[in-house]
Protein backbone atom coordinates (compact mmCIF):
# COMPACT_ATOMS: atom_id res chain seq x y z
CA UNK A 1 141.99 -130.89 97.92
CA UNK A 2 138.55 -129.96 96.60
CA UNK A 3 138.20 -127.93 93.47
CA UNK A 4 136.09 -124.86 93.98
CA UNK A 5 134.18 -122.88 91.42
CA UNK A 6 135.18 -119.47 92.73
CA UNK A 7 132.96 -117.59 90.29
CA UNK A 8 129.94 -119.60 91.42
CA UNK A 9 130.77 -119.06 95.10
CA UNK A 10 131.23 -115.32 94.55
CA UNK A 11 127.82 -115.16 92.83
CA UNK A 12 126.26 -117.05 95.75
CA UNK A 13 127.79 -114.62 98.24
CA UNK A 14 126.49 -111.62 96.30
CA UNK A 15 123.02 -113.12 95.98
CA UNK A 16 122.85 -114.11 99.68
CA UNK A 17 124.28 -110.85 101.03
CA UNK A 18 121.22 -108.86 100.02
CA UNK A 19 118.47 -111.24 101.15
CA UNK A 20 115.73 -109.43 103.05
CA UNK A 21 115.43 -110.95 106.51
CA UNK A 22 111.64 -110.53 106.38
CA UNK A 23 111.59 -113.00 103.46
CA UNK A 24 113.49 -115.70 105.39
CA UNK A 25 111.60 -118.63 106.90
CA UNK A 26 113.22 -120.10 110.00
CA UNK A 27 112.70 -123.66 108.73
CA UNK A 28 114.63 -122.84 105.53
CA UNK A 29 117.77 -121.75 107.39
CA UNK A 30 120.71 -124.01 108.26
CA UNK A 31 121.39 -124.81 111.93
CA UNK A 32 125.05 -123.87 112.39
CA UNK A 33 125.76 -126.90 114.62
CA UNK A 34 124.68 -129.21 111.78
CA UNK A 35 127.34 -127.86 109.40
CA UNK A 36 130.38 -130.11 109.51
CA UNK A 37 133.68 -128.67 108.33
CA UNK A 38 136.98 -130.58 108.36
CA UNK A 39 139.16 -128.70 110.85
CA UNK A 40 142.31 -130.30 109.40
CA UNK A 41 141.96 -128.27 106.21
CA UNK A 42 143.64 -124.90 105.81
CA UNK A 43 141.44 -121.96 106.85
CA UNK A 44 140.82 -120.82 103.26
CA UNK A 45 139.45 -124.24 102.35
CA UNK A 46 137.29 -124.36 105.48
CA UNK A 47 135.74 -121.02 104.51
CA UNK A 48 135.07 -122.22 100.97
CA UNK A 49 133.57 -125.47 102.29
CA UNK A 50 131.29 -123.51 104.60
CA UNK A 51 130.09 -121.27 101.77
CA UNK A 52 129.41 -124.32 99.61
CA UNK A 53 127.52 -126.26 102.31
CA UNK A 54 125.16 -123.62 103.70
CA UNK A 55 122.13 -122.21 101.94
CA UNK A 56 123.08 -118.68 102.95
CA UNK A 57 126.44 -117.99 104.64
CA UNK A 58 125.10 -114.71 106.07
CA UNK A 59 122.00 -116.16 107.74
CA UNK A 60 121.87 -119.25 109.92
CA UNK A 61 120.38 -120.58 113.15
CA UNK A 62 122.10 -121.02 116.48
CA UNK A 63 120.03 -123.26 118.77
CA UNK A 64 116.94 -122.36 116.77
CA UNK A 65 117.54 -118.59 116.85
CA UNK A 66 117.96 -116.70 113.61
CA UNK A 67 121.36 -115.00 113.24
CA UNK A 68 122.46 -112.66 110.49
CA UNK A 69 126.03 -111.52 110.03
CA UNK A 70 127.13 -108.43 108.15
CA UNK A 71 130.46 -106.82 107.53
CA UNK A 72 131.19 -103.17 107.08
CA UNK A 73 132.72 -102.45 103.71
CA UNK A 74 134.43 -99.26 104.82
CA UNK A 75 136.07 -100.21 108.09
CA UNK A 76 139.63 -101.04 109.00
CA UNK A 77 138.41 -103.32 111.79
CA UNK A 78 138.96 -107.05 111.53
CA UNK A 79 136.31 -109.63 112.39
CA UNK A 80 138.25 -110.26 115.62
CA UNK A 81 138.08 -106.56 116.48
CA UNK A 82 134.32 -106.51 115.92
CA UNK A 83 133.69 -109.63 118.01
CA UNK A 84 135.91 -108.30 120.78
CA UNK A 85 133.93 -105.05 120.82
CA UNK A 86 130.63 -106.94 121.00
CA UNK A 87 131.86 -109.03 123.93
CA UNK A 88 133.21 -105.99 125.74
CA UNK A 89 129.84 -104.25 125.38
CA UNK A 90 127.93 -107.32 126.55
CA UNK A 91 130.03 -107.92 129.65
CA UNK A 92 130.68 -104.38 130.98
């Protein structure tokens, strides 16, 4: 098991969360398919590994397209709920 500096990871998340998308250069963003995470690890460790490996866990590329993820701080919806709603709206 890796040892994680949780304080450092929390600071990285806070710093990355508020990055202005206009200040992001496409060539400076990680391609999501290039990030390798060991699927045999427990989910908590996989999340921590991802945060450690990427430059910004909120902004990445998918097939060269810039993607930004955000989470509502005042919602009772889970990530699964949000993704399900997106898919339902896309494929009506």
